[in-house]
Amino acid sequence: MGSQKYDDDEQIVNNATNDDDSGKFGGSLFDVGKVPLKFDNEPEVPIEDNVYKLLIELMGRGTGSDRLGADIVMVLDISGSMEGEKLIEMKRALQFVIKKLSPSDRLSVITFSSDADRKCPLRQMTQKAQEEIDFLVQNLNAGGSTNITAGLQKGLKVLDERKFTTGRSGAIMLMSDGEQNAGGDATMVSVERFPVFTFGFGSGGEYDPKVLNDIAKNSTGGTFSLASPGNLSIAFSQCLGGLLSVLVQDVKLVLIPLTDKVSRREKVTTKIIKVYAGNYPQTTDDSTGAVTVFFGDLYQKEIRTVLVDLFLPAVTQEVDLDALEISCTYRADSGNLTSTNPAVFRVTRSKTPVTKQSDAAKAEIQRVEIVEMMKEARNLADQNKFDEALDKAVKAQNLLDDFNLKKPNQVIETLKLEVNEMVKFLQSEETYKAKGRSFTYSSETSHDRQRFASRGDVEKIRPFAIPRMDDYLEQAKAFEKDPTKPVPTAAEDEKKELAADPLSAVSPSISYYLAIAIDALQNIKKIVDQK
């Protein structure tokens, strides 16, 4: 990679972000409330031994003006297979990215073919920088082999060696149209420090979707997307809609099982059996049974759902019990560590329980089951067991058709579309290898991360898309029709959102402190009632 140190990232000038890296515990007034927690209900369960599935939801809440400044490294394939129309489209897609960024953001461009080259350091996206970076992009030429490893390593080096990091998110967007044929195996590069979003450009037979998917999966929150010829700008726009709305970093969900009194002589302790959180890392404290899930970044209005299997030991009498303490920590734009007010999940132990699971919990349980079946089908297809793979996909299809809720659920309806597409792709070995394999890998990573990824048809299948992505989809479509027309910058998008909802800037912190006050009053009432 060379001995040059990449600490020449430009400082943001005339920006409110404080570049002092000395974060201290206890966030600022407006840091709090940006990751509200909720669970679906406080149920009645039998007095006998019982396993209950608890649904927990986290959401990024704030405005575009609350977002962190984005440090984006574009890692671009310019190997010989990119010659011609593909190179022209890539340059056009980069123009959209450049135009969307604001002076609070920074961009670095790296190209790779037989080796990798850093075309520019992380530059503040002023008008001058936009013009200069666009000029160097338009003068790129294609040639050579495909050394994804070199490009990825150089992109990580740019982010690792930054001088200015407080209040800033960092991410890599890596695009390739071919199989790696130089520089070793890119899936062995350590990428867990930053989210890496990979894009397979072209038909599924031209590149190795497993390599690009594994790179994204090995990172902290990245996804693998498909970009067919003619929609690279659109695929980039969806990723950009997330990266330009990162509200918080280092999000950790902490689940602590509780011990509570049934009577003066009897106590029971809840036990966490399993936590379903996709492939986000999690750890368990052997002494307390507490589980911590590490989510990384969270976008504005992005949601994470977590299913927890709780073992509730038998009790001798009907009683209300505290079962689980739920909290999370994160860092917002101040860089300080902020902790949510812990919430307590309570259960009523009853001889004749009547409370049932909510539709939201049922839908999430079904989603987790179907996604696992899709993975099994894909694994069978990769072993050339296409009849078994198709049977598995059809079984998932039938389960979804028979699944009913009181009201339509968007995640389930979208999942039906995904499974239907998978069944089509598994009709033959040719259709699977041409389209189905890359589609399924993209779908898997998207569901494991609960984060949008393009499956090729960007408009029809949109699970986990946030409102900013919906806006950017329309902007990218307009850009593709006429690249000469102005594109709204991220700053202009933020002003528009704030004008539509002026209270959104302060509502998270107000809601947070109101919740604390209500919780305190409830505890006082409990003490008074006991007296």
Protein backbone atom coordinates (compact mmCIF):
# COMPACT_ATOMS: atom_id res chain seq x y z
CA MET A 1 0.00 0.00 0.00
CA GLY A 2 3.00 2.29 0.23
CA SER A 3 4.47 4.17 3.19
CA GLN A 4 2.71 7.52 2.65
CA LYS A 5 0.50 8.42 5.59
CA TYR A 6 -2.98 9.57 4.57
CA ASP A 7 -3.41 12.25 7.24
CA ASP A 8 -3.94 15.02 4.68
CA ASP A 9 -7.74 15.03 5.00
CA GLU A 10 -9.12 18.56 4.73
CA GLN A 11 -10.63 20.15 7.81
CA ILE A 12 -14.20 21.38 7.54
CA VAL A 13 -14.08 25.17 7.42
CA ASN A 14 -16.98 27.27 8.78
CA ASN A 15 -18.70 24.20 10.18
CA ALA A 16 -20.27 23.87 13.62
CA THR A 17 -18.70 20.45 14.17
CA ASN A 18 -16.11 20.48 16.95
CA ASP A 19 -13.01 18.60 15.85
CA ASP A 20 -11.83 18.00 19.39
CA ASP A 21 -11.73 14.21 19.83
CA SER A 22 -11.96 14.26 23.64
CA GLY A 23 -15.39 12.64 24.04
CA LYS A 24 -16.71 12.43 27.59
CA PHE A 25 -19.54 10.41 29.06
CA GLY A 26 -22.88 12.20 29.16
CA GLY A 27 -24.07 13.70 25.89
CA SER A 28 -25.13 17.28 25.35
CA LEU A 29 -28.74 18.40 25.81
CA PHE A 30 -29.66 17.76 22.19
CA ASP A 31 -27.80 14.46 21.91
CA VAL A 32 -30.36 12.65 24.06
CA GLY A 33 -33.53 11.09 22.73
CA LYS A 34 -32.12 10.30 19.29
CA VAL A 35 -32.49 6.53 19.71
CA PRO A 36 -35.84 5.88 21.43
CA LEU A 37 -36.55 2.31 22.58
CA LYS A 38 -39.87 0.56 22.67
CA PHE A 39 -41.19 -2.95 23.09
CA ASP A 40 -44.46 -4.32 21.79
CA ASN A 41 -46.36 -5.04 25.02
CA GLU A 42 -46.18 -6.11 28.68
CA PRO A 43 -47.85 -9.52 28.47
CA GLU A 44 -49.63 -11.94 30.71
CA VAL A 45 -47.83 -15.31 30.75
CA PRO A 46 -48.53 -18.58 32.61
CA ILE A 47 -47.17 -19.15 36.12
CA GLU A 48 -45.42 -22.29 34.80
CA ASP A 49 -42.02 -22.25 33.05
CA ASN A 50 -42.47 -20.14 29.93
CA VAL A 51 -40.46 -18.87 26.94
CA TYR A 52 -41.65 -15.50 25.66
CA LYS A 53 -40.54 -13.78 22.44
CA LEU A 54 -40.10 -10.07 23.13
CA LEU A 55 -39.95 -7.60 20.24
CA ILE A 56 -37.74 -4.53 20.83
CA GLU A 57 -37.47 -1.62 18.41
CA LEU A 58 -34.84 1.11 18.09
CA MET A 59 -35.24 4.07 15.74
CA GLY A 60 -33.05 6.98 14.68
CA ARG A 61 -35.00 10.14 15.48
CA GLY A 62 -34.01 13.67 14.56
CA THR A 63 -33.66 15.89 11.51
CA GLY A 64 -31.30 16.08 8.58
CA SER A 65 -29.59 19.03 10.27
CA ASP A 66 -28.70 16.71 13.18
CA ARG A 67 -26.79 14.35 10.94
CA LEU A 68 -23.07 13.71 11.18
CA GLY A 69 -20.75 15.00 8.50
CA ALA A 70 -20.04 12.23 6.00
CA ASP A 71 -16.56 11.06 5.01
CA ILE A 72 -17.14 8.90 1.92
CA VAL A 73 -14.45 7.02 0.03
CA MET A 74 -15.46 5.91 -3.47
CA VAL A 75 -13.47 2.83 -4.56
CA LEU A 76 -14.01 2.35 -8.29
CA ASP A 77 -13.19 -0.45 -10.70
CA ILE A 78 -11.49 0.86 -13.86
CA SER A 79 -10.22 -2.51 -15.13
CA GLY A 80 -10.33 -3.37 -18.82
CA SER A 81 -13.90 -4.72 -18.65
CA MET A 82 -15.11 -1.22 -17.74
CA GLU A 83 -14.08 0.18 -21.13
CA GLY A 84 -16.87 1.81 -23.14
CA GLU A 85 -20.43 2.38 -21.98
CA LYS A 86 -19.80 1.12 -18.43
CA LEU A 87 -17.06 3.69 -17.84
CA ILE A 88 -19.27 6.45 -19.23
CA GLU A 89 -22.11 5.44 -16.91
CA MET A 90 -19.79 5.25 -13.90
CA LYS A 91 -18.57 8.78 -14.56
CA ARG A 92 -22.16 10.00 -14.81
CA ALA A 93 -23.09 8.25 -11.55
CA LEU A 94 -20.12 9.89 -9.82
CA GLN A 95 -21.39 13.27 -10.99
CA PHE A 96 -24.63 12.63 -9.09
CA VAL A 97 -22.70 11.72 -5.93
CA ILE A 98 -20.50 14.81 -6.20
CA LYS A 99 -23.45 17.13 -6.72
CA LYS A 100 -25.34 15.73 -3.71
CA LEU A 101 -22.57 16.38 -1.20
CA SER A 102 -22.44 19.58 0.86
CA PRO A 103 -19.52 21.48 2.45
CA SER A 104 -20.08 19.52 5.67
CA ASP A 105 -19.11 16.36 3.77
CA ARG A 106 -15.79 15.08 2.46
CA LEU A 107 -15.02 12.80 -0.49
CA SER A 108 -11.99 10.78 -1.56
CA VAL A 109 -11.77 8.88 -4.87
CA ILE A 110 -9.73 5.70 -5.31
CA THR A 111 -9.50 3.67 -8.49
CA PHE A 112 -8.27 0.12 -8.93
CA SER A 113 -7.34 -2.13 -11.83
CA SER A 114 -4.05 -4.06 -11.63
CA ASP A 115 -3.19 -1.83 -8.67
CA ALA A 116 -4.92 0.99 -6.76
CA ASP A 117 -4.46 4.75 -6.94
CA ARG A 118 -5.75 7.44 -4.60
CA LYS A 119 -6.93 10.20 -6.93
CA CYS A 120 -7.57 12.71 -4.15
CA PRO A 121 -7.55 12.88 -0.33
CA LEU A 122 -10.69 13.48 1.69
CA ARG A 123 -11.70 16.92 0.45
CA GLN A 124 -14.33 19.27 1.84
CA MET A 125 -17.02 19.40 -0.82
CA THR A 126 -16.97 23.07 -1.64
CA GLN A 127 -17.91 24.15 -5.15
CA LYS A 128 -14.22 24.30 -6.10
CA ALA A 129 -13.61 20.75 -4.83
CA GLN A 130 -16.69 19.49 -6.67
CA GLU A 131 -15.43 20.92 -9.94
CA GLU A 132 -11.89 19.58 -9.48
CA ILE A 133 -12.98 16.07 -8.46
CA ASP A 134 -15.47 15.92 -11.34
CA PHE A 135 -12.65 16.89 -13.73
CA LEU A 136 -10.37 14.07 -12.54
CA VAL A 137 -13.25 11.56 -12.69
CA GLN A 138 -14.16 12.52 -16.26
CA ASN A 139 -10.54 11.88 -17.28
CA LEU A 140 -10.36 8.33 -15.97
CA ASN A 141 -9.39 5.57 -18.43
CA ALA A 142 -10.02 1.83 -18.17
CA GLY A 143 -7.46 -0.96 -18.50
CA GLY A 144 -5.75 -3.77 -16.61
CA SER A 145 -6.95 -6.55 -14.33
CA THR A 146 -9.25 -6.45 -11.27
CA ASN A 147 -7.41 -6.04 -7.95
CA ILE A 148 -10.26 -5.44 -5.50
CA THR A 149 -7.94 -6.06 -2.54
CA ALA A 150 -5.68 -3.13 -3.40
CA GLY A 151 -8.60 -0.73 -3.81
CA LEU A 152 -10.23 -1.85 -0.56
CA GLN A 153 -7.01 -1.59 1.44
CA LYS A 154 -6.32 1.90 0.16
CA GLY A 155 -9.87 3.01 0.98
CA LEU A 156 -9.52 1.73 4.55
CA LYS A 157 -6.17 3.51 4.87
CA VAL A 158 -7.82 6.84 3.95
CA LEU A 159 -10.41 6.43 6.72
CA ASP A 160 -8.05 4.96 9.30
CA GLU A 161 -5.51 7.77 9.07
CA ARG A 162 -7.90 10.76 9.16
CA LYS A 163 -7.01 13.59 11.52
CA PHE A 164 -10.56 14.94 11.93
CA THR A 165 -13.11 12.35 13.04
CA THR A 166 -15.32 13.72 15.84
CA GLY A 167 -18.93 14.11 14.76
CA ARG A 168 -18.12 12.46 11.43
CA SER A 169 -19.23 9.15 9.94
CA GLY A 170 -16.97 7.18 7.63
CA ALA A 171 -17.91 4.71 4.89
CA ILE A 172 -16.63 3.08 1.71
CA MET A 173 -18.67 2.65 -1.48
CA LEU A 174 -16.95 0.01 -3.65
CA MET A 175 -18.10 -0.76 -7.20
CA SER A 176 -16.82 -3.57 -9.43
CA ASP A 177 -18.02 -5.15 -12.66
CA GLY A 178 -15.75 -8.23 -12.70
CA GLU A 179 -14.29 -11.10 -10.73
CA GLN A 180 -11.09 -10.44 -8.77
CA ASN A 181 -8.12 -11.78 -10.72
CA ALA A 182 -5.19 -9.99 -9.08
CA GLY A 183 -3.96 -9.07 -5.60
CA GLY A 184 -5.31 -11.97 -3.54
CA ASP A 185 -8.67 -12.53 -1.88
CA ALA A 186 -10.44 -9.30 -0.90
CA THR A 187 -12.75 -11.17 1.48
CA MET A 188 -9.73 -11.69 3.77
CA VAL A 189 -9.17 -7.94 4.23
CA SER A 190 -10.14 -6.78 7.73
CA VAL A 191 -13.01 -4.32 7.19
CA GLU A 192 -14.85 -4.42 10.53
CA ARG A 193 -13.89 -0.82 11.38
CA PHE A 194 -16.20 0.85 8.83
CA PRO A 195 -19.30 0.05 6.79
CA VAL A 196 -18.39 -1.04 3.26
CA PHE A 197 -21.18 -0.84 0.69
CA THR A 198 -20.44 -2.93 -2.38
CA PHE A 199 -22.06 -2.70 -5.82
CA GLY A 200 -22.01 -5.41 -8.47
CA PHE A 201 -22.22 -3.54 -11.78
CA GLY A 202 -23.57 -5.46 -14.78
CA SER A 203 -25.21 -8.86 -15.05
CA GLY A 204 -24.86 -11.38 -12.23
CA GLY A 205 -22.63 -13.56 -14.40
CA GLU A 206 -19.96 -10.88 -14.89
CA TYR A 207 -18.83 -10.52 -11.28
CA ASP A 208 -18.69 -12.79 -8.23
CA PRO A 209 -21.60 -11.78 -5.97
CA LYS A 210 -20.25 -13.88 -3.09
CA VAL A 211 -17.00 -11.89 -2.95
CA LEU A 212 -18.77 -8.52 -2.95
CA ASN A 213 -21.39 -9.76 -0.49
CA ASP A 214 -18.76 -11.16 1.90
CA ILE A 215 -16.84 -7.87 1.89
CA ALA A 216 -20.01 -5.99 2.86
CA LYS A 217 -21.01 -8.65 5.41
CA ASN A 218 -17.58 -8.53 7.08
CA SER A 219 -17.92 -4.78 7.65
CA THR A 220 -19.98 -2.91 10.25
CA GLY A 221 -23.30 -2.28 8.57
CA GLY A 222 -22.50 -2.36 4.87
CA THR A 223 -24.74 -4.00 2.27
CA PHE A 224 -24.31 -5.57 -1.17
CA SER A 225 -26.36 -4.00 -3.99
CA LEU A 226 -26.98 -4.83 -7.63
CA ALA A 227 -26.51 -2.14 -10.25
CA SER A 228 -27.74 -3.05 -13.71
CA PRO A 229 -26.54 -1.03 -16.72
CA GLY A 230 -28.62 2.14 -16.81
CA ASN A 231 -29.27 2.43 -13.06
CA LEU A 232 -25.86 2.88 -11.39
CA SER A 233 -26.78 6.46 -10.37
CA ILE A 234 -30.01 5.15 -8.83
CA ALA A 235 -28.19 2.39 -6.91
CA PHE A 236 -25.62 4.90 -5.62
CA SER A 237 -28.40 7.33 -4.66
CA GLN A 238 -30.01 4.84 -2.28
CA CYS A 239 -26.77 4.21 -0.44
CA LEU A 240 -26.07 7.95 -0.38
CA GLY A 241 -29.52 8.64 1.11
CA GLY A 242 -28.42 6.67 4.15
CA LEU A 243 -24.87 7.96 4.44
CA LEU A 244 -26.09 11.57 4.32
CA SER A 245 -28.53 10.96 7.20
CA VAL A 246 -26.36 9.18 9.80
CA LEU A 247 -27.68 10.46 13.15
CA VAL A 248 -25.65 8.41 15.62
CA GLN A 249 -22.66 6.09 15.77
CA ASP A 250 -21.54 3.21 17.99
CA VAL A 251 -25.12 2.23 18.84
CA LYS A 252 -25.17 -0.55 21.47
CA LEU A 253 -28.30 -2.23 22.79
CA VAL A 254 -27.87 -3.61 26.32
CA LEU A 255 -30.26 -6.27 27.68
CA ILE A 256 -29.96 -7.17 31.38
CA PRO A 257 -32.05 -10.03 32.85
CA LEU A 258 -33.58 -9.11 36.21
CA THR A 259 -34.26 -10.90 39.47
CA ASP A 260 -37.53 -9.97 41.18
CA LYS A 261 -39.44 -11.05 44.29
CA VAL A 262 -42.50 -13.26 44.05
CA SER A 263 -42.85 -13.19 47.85
CA ARG A 264 -40.62 -12.62 50.87
CA ARG A 265 -39.16 -16.10 50.44
CA GLU A 266 -39.30 -16.54 46.69
CA LYS A 267 -37.28 -14.88 43.93
CA VAL A 268 -37.05 -15.64 40.22
CA THR A 269 -34.44 -14.64 37.66
CA THR A 270 -35.17 -14.16 33.97
CA LYS A 271 -32.75 -15.76 31.51
CA ILE A 272 -31.98 -14.61 27.96
CA ILE A 273 -31.97 -17.70 25.73
CA LYS A 274 -31.31 -16.07 22.36
CA VAL A 275 -31.24 -12.64 20.73
CA TYR A 276 -32.16 -12.40 17.04
CA ALA A 277 -30.43 -9.33 15.60
CA GLY A 278 -29.35 -10.42 12.12
CA ASN A 279 -25.58 -10.71 11.85
CA TYR A 280 -24.78 -7.72 14.04
CA PRO A 281 -22.13 -8.69 16.62
CA GLN A 282 -23.29 -9.49 20.14
CA THR A 283 -21.61 -10.48 23.39
CA THR A 284 -22.87 -12.16 26.57
CA ASP A 285 -21.67 -11.46 30.11
CA ASP A 286 -21.34 -14.92 31.68
CA SER A 287 -21.68 -13.58 35.23
CA THR A 288 -24.90 -11.58 34.72
CA GLY A 289 -26.39 -13.08 31.54
CA ALA A 290 -26.54 -9.58 30.02
CA VAL A 291 -26.38 -9.37 26.22
CA THR A 292 -24.97 -6.42 24.25
CA VAL A 293 -25.72 -5.99 20.53
CA PHE A 294 -23.45 -3.70 18.47
CA PHE A 295 -25.33 -1.92 15.68
CA GLY A 296 -22.83 0.74 14.56
CA ASP A 297 -24.43 3.68 12.68
CA LEU A 298 -28.14 4.45 12.60
CA TYR A 299 -29.79 6.63 9.95
CA GLN A 300 -32.55 9.16 10.46
CA LYS A 301 -35.86 7.22 10.75
CA GLU A 302 -34.02 3.91 10.32
CA ILE A 303 -35.40 1.09 12.48
CA ARG A 304 -33.76 -1.92 14.10
CA THR A 305 -36.01 -4.70 15.41
CA VAL A 306 -34.69 -7.30 17.84
CA LEU A 307 -36.39 -10.51 18.96
CA VAL A 308 -35.43 -11.83 22.38
CA ASP A 309 -36.27 -15.32 23.64
CA LEU A 310 -36.79 -14.93 27.41
CA PHE A 311 -37.02 -17.87 29.77
CA LEU A 312 -39.40 -16.98 32.62
CA PRO A 313 -39.13 -19.55 35.46
CA ALA A 314 -42.23 -20.94 37.15
CA VAL A 315 -43.69 -19.06 40.11
CA THR A 316 -46.04 -20.23 42.86
CA GLN A 317 -48.57 -17.41 42.61
CA GLU A 318 -49.94 -14.68 40.36
CA VAL A 319 -47.69 -11.64 40.48
CA ASP A 320 -46.30 -8.73 38.40
CA LEU A 321 -42.55 -9.07 37.86
CA ASP A 322 -39.71 -7.03 36.37
CA ALA A 323 -38.10 -9.29 33.76
CA LEU A 324 -35.61 -7.31 31.66
CA GLU A 325 -33.82 -3.95 31.68
CA ILE A 326 -33.35 -2.44 28.20
CA SER A 327 -31.08 0.49 27.36
CA CYS A 328 -28.70 1.67 24.69
CA THR A 329 -25.70 3.94 24.27
CA TYR A 330 -24.54 5.91 21.23
CA ARG A 331 -22.51 8.90 20.04
CA ALA A 332 -24.14 11.83 18.24
CA ASP A 333 -22.55 14.89 16.63
CA SER A 334 -20.91 16.10 19.87
CA GLY A 335 -18.88 12.89 19.99
CA ASN A 336 -19.92 12.33 23.61
CA LEU A 337 -21.23 8.99 24.83
CA THR A 338 -24.96 9.25 25.49
CA SER A 339 -27.06 6.68 27.35
CA THR A 340 -30.82 6.25 27.11
CA ASN A 341 -32.98 6.11 30.21
CA PRO A 342 -33.28 2.34 30.96
CA ALA A 343 -36.70 0.83 30.27
CA VAL A 344 -37.99 -2.15 32.25
CA PHE A 345 -39.96 -4.94 30.59
CA ARG A 346 -42.55 -6.30 33.03
CA VAL A 347 -44.71 -9.42 32.85
CA THR A 348 -47.85 -10.50 34.65
CA ARG A 349 -47.69 -14.13 35.78
CA SER A 350 -51.22 -15.46 35.61
CA LYS A 351 -53.04 -18.78 36.00
CA THR A 352 -55.34 -17.75 33.13
CA PRO A 353 -53.27 -15.52 30.81
CA VAL A 354 -55.17 -13.71 28.04
CA THR A 355 -52.66 -11.32 26.44
CA LYS A 356 -51.44 -12.43 23.00
CA GLN A 357 -48.49 -11.33 20.89
CA SER A 358 -48.86 -8.22 18.80
CA ASP A 359 -49.04 -8.32 15.00
CA ALA A 360 -45.65 -6.58 14.87
CA ALA A 361 -44.04 -9.40 16.87
CA LYS A 362 -45.74 -12.06 14.73
CA ALA A 363 -44.52 -10.36 11.56
CA GLU A 364 -40.93 -10.18 12.80
CA ILE A 365 -40.97 -13.84 13.89
CA GLN A 366 -42.22 -14.76 10.41
CA ARG A 367 -39.61 -12.56 8.68
CA VAL A 368 -36.75 -14.19 10.60
CA GLU A 369 -38.03 -17.67 9.72
CA ILE A 370 -38.50 -16.91 6.02
CA VAL A 371 -35.08 -15.26 5.66
CA GLU A 372 -33.45 -18.38 7.12
CA MET A 373 -35.33 -20.51 4.58
CA MET A 374 -34.13 -18.24 1.77
CA LYS A 375 -30.54 -18.70 2.95
CA GLU A 376 -31.01 -22.47 2.98
CA ALA A 377 -32.41 -22.37 -0.55
CA ARG A 378 -29.51 -20.25 -1.78
CA ASN A 379 -26.99 -22.57 -0.12
CA LEU A 380 -28.60 -25.59 -1.82
CA ALA A 381 -28.55 -23.83 -5.19
CA ASP A 382 -24.86 -22.98 -4.75
CA GLN A 383 -24.30 -26.75 -4.36
CA ASN A 384 -26.22 -27.30 -7.62
CA LYS A 385 -29.12 -28.93 -5.75
CA PHE A 386 -31.67 -26.90 -7.65
CA ASP A 387 -34.70 -29.15 -7.11
CA GLU A 388 -34.19 -29.07 -3.32
CA ALA A 389 -33.56 -25.32 -3.43
CA LEU A 390 -36.77 -24.72 -5.36
CA ASP A 391 -38.74 -26.89 -2.92
CA LYS A 392 -37.40 -24.83 -0.01
CA ALA A 393 -38.28 -21.54 -1.72
CA VAL A 394 -41.78 -22.77 -2.60
CA LYS A 395 -42.30 -23.84 1.03
CA ALA A 396 -41.37 -20.29 2.14
CA GLN A 397 -43.75 -18.91 -0.49
CA ASN A 398 -46.61 -21.06 0.82
CA LEU A 399 -45.92 -20.08 4.44
CA LEU A 400 -46.16 -16.42 3.51
CA ASP A 401 -49.37 -16.97 1.53
CA ASP A 402 -50.96 -18.64 4.56
CA PHE A 403 -49.71 -15.98 6.99
CA ASN A 404 -52.46 -13.57 8.04
CA LEU A 405 -52.48 -10.47 10.23
CA LYS A 406 -55.24 -8.08 11.22
CA LYS A 407 -53.75 -5.36 9.02
CA PRO A 408 -51.41 -5.56 6.00
CA ASN A 409 -47.74 -5.47 7.01
CA GLN A 410 -45.35 -3.75 4.59
CA VAL A 411 -42.33 -5.89 5.52
CA ILE A 412 -44.30 -9.12 4.97
CA GLU A 413 -45.80 -7.90 1.68
CA THR A 414 -42.34 -6.96 0.40
CA LEU A 415 -40.96 -10.30 1.58
CA LYS A 416 -43.60 -12.04 -0.54
CA LEU A 417 -42.29 -10.20 -3.61
CA GLU A 418 -38.72 -11.26 -2.78
CA VAL A 419 -39.62 -14.93 -2.33
CA ASN A 420 -41.69 -14.89 -5.54
CA GLU A 421 -38.67 -13.54 -7.43
CA MET A 422 -36.45 -16.20 -5.90
CA VAL A 423 -38.84 -18.95 -7.00
CA LYS A 424 -38.66 -17.58 -10.57
CA PHE A 425 -34.87 -17.51 -10.53
CA LEU A 426 -34.66 -21.10 -9.27
CA GLN A 427 -36.62 -22.48 -12.22
CA SER A 428 -33.34 -23.27 -14.00
CA GLU A 429 -29.61 -23.28 -13.38
CA GLU A 430 -29.17 -20.64 -16.09
CA THR A 431 -31.58 -18.10 -14.56
CA TYR A 432 -30.17 -18.67 -11.07
CA LYS A 433 -26.56 -18.07 -12.08
CA ALA A 434 -27.44 -15.12 -14.34
CA LYS A 435 -29.67 -13.26 -11.87
CA GLY A 436 -30.83 -15.31 -8.90
CA ARG A 437 -27.54 -15.77 -7.08
CA SER A 438 -26.70 -12.08 -6.89
CA PHE A 439 -30.34 -11.22 -6.05
CA THR A 440 -30.39 -13.66 -3.13
CA TYR A 441 -27.06 -12.52 -1.71
CA SER A 442 -28.24 -8.90 -1.79
CA SER A 443 -31.51 -9.87 -0.11
CA GLU A 444 -29.70 -11.81 2.64
CA THR A 445 -27.38 -8.95 3.55
CA SER A 446 -30.24 -6.46 3.49
CA HIS A 447 -32.30 -8.54 5.92
CA ASP A 448 -29.35 -9.39 8.16
CA ARG A 449 -28.58 -5.67 8.46
CA GLN A 450 -32.20 -4.44 8.32
CA ARG A 451 -30.86 -1.90 5.86
CA PHE A 452 -31.93 -1.19 2.29
CA ALA A 453 -29.93 -2.70 -0.57
CA SER A 454 -30.81 -2.65 -4.26
CA ARG A 455 -31.81 -6.06 -5.64
CA GLY A 456 -31.74 -4.71 -9.18
CA ASP A 457 -35.35 -3.54 -9.33
CA VAL A 458 -34.92 -0.53 -7.06
CA GLU A 459 -38.53 0.65 -7.16
CA LYS A 460 -40.52 -2.56 -6.54
CA ILE A 461 -38.67 -4.21 -3.65
CA ARG A 462 -37.78 -1.61 -1.01
CA PRO A 463 -37.60 -3.15 2.48
CA PHE A 464 -35.93 -0.94 5.11
CA ALA A 465 -35.79 2.12 2.83
CA ILE A 466 -35.92 5.42 4.76
CA PRO A 467 -37.76 8.56 3.51
CA ARG A 468 -34.51 10.21 2.38
CA MET A 469 -33.88 7.25 0.07
CA ASP A 470 -37.33 7.66 -1.45
CA ASP A 471 -36.53 11.31 -2.22
CA TYR A 472 -33.12 10.44 -3.67
CA LEU A 473 -34.67 7.79 -5.90
CA GLU A 474 -36.78 10.43 -7.64
CA GLN A 475 -33.82 12.82 -7.84
CA ALA A 476 -31.60 10.13 -9.40
CA LYS A 477 -34.26 9.24 -11.98
CA ALA A 478 -34.54 12.90 -12.96
CA PHE A 479 -30.74 13.16 -13.13
CA GLU A 480 -30.51 10.15 -15.45
CA LYS A 481 -32.99 11.82 -17.82
CA ASP A 482 -31.04 15.10 -17.85
CA PRO A 483 -27.63 15.19 -16.08
CA THR A 484 -27.23 18.89 -16.88
CA LYS A 485 -30.05 19.97 -14.55
CA PRO A 486 -29.13 21.03 -10.98
CA VAL A 487 -29.38 18.37 -8.26
CA PRO A 488 -30.51 19.45 -4.76
CA THR A 489 -27.62 19.25 -2.30
CA ALA A 490 -27.92 17.41 1.00
CA ALA A 491 -28.06 20.80 2.75
CA GLU A 492 -31.06 21.80 0.63
CA ASP A 493 -32.73 18.47 1.41
CA GLU A 494 -32.24 19.13 5.13
CA LYS A 495 -33.77 22.61 4.94
CA LYS A 496 -36.81 21.21 3.14
CA GLU A 497 -37.30 18.51 5.78
CA LEU A 498 -36.94 20.97 8.64
CA ALA A 499 -39.47 23.35 7.07
CA ALA A 500 -41.96 20.48 6.79
CA ASP A 501 -41.48 19.53 10.46
CA PRO A 502 -39.95 22.45 12.45
CA LEU A 503 -40.36 20.75 15.85
CA SER A 504 -38.37 17.69 14.81
CA ALA A 505 -35.10 19.35 15.87
CA VAL A 506 -36.11 19.52 19.54
CA SER A 507 -38.76 16.82 19.88
CA PRO A 508 -36.33 13.93 20.59
CA SER A 509 -34.80 15.63 23.64
CA ILE A 510 -38.19 16.93 24.89
CA SER A 511 -39.69 13.45 24.55
CA TYR A 512 -36.70 11.95 26.37
CA TYR A 513 -37.00 14.22 29.41
CA LEU A 514 -40.78 13.79 29.52
CA ALA A 515 -40.29 10.01 29.60
CA ILE A 516 -37.91 10.37 32.55
CA ALA A 517 -40.43 12.55 34.39
CA ILE A 518 -43.28 10.10 33.75
CA ASP A 519 -41.14 7.18 34.91
CA ALA A 520 -40.24 9.04 38.11
CA LEU A 521 -43.91 9.82 38.83
CA GLN A 522 -44.88 6.18 38.26
CA ASN A 523 -42.22 5.05 40.74
CA ILE A 524 -43.43 7.59 43.31
CA LYS A 525 -47.01 6.34 42.83
CA LYS A 526 -45.82 2.77 43.34
CA ILE A 527 -44.17 3.72 46.66
CA VAL A 528 -47.24 5.66 47.81
CA ASP A 529 -49.55 2.75 46.93
CA GLN A 530 -47.35 0.34 48.90
CA LYS A 531 -47.43 2.66 51.92
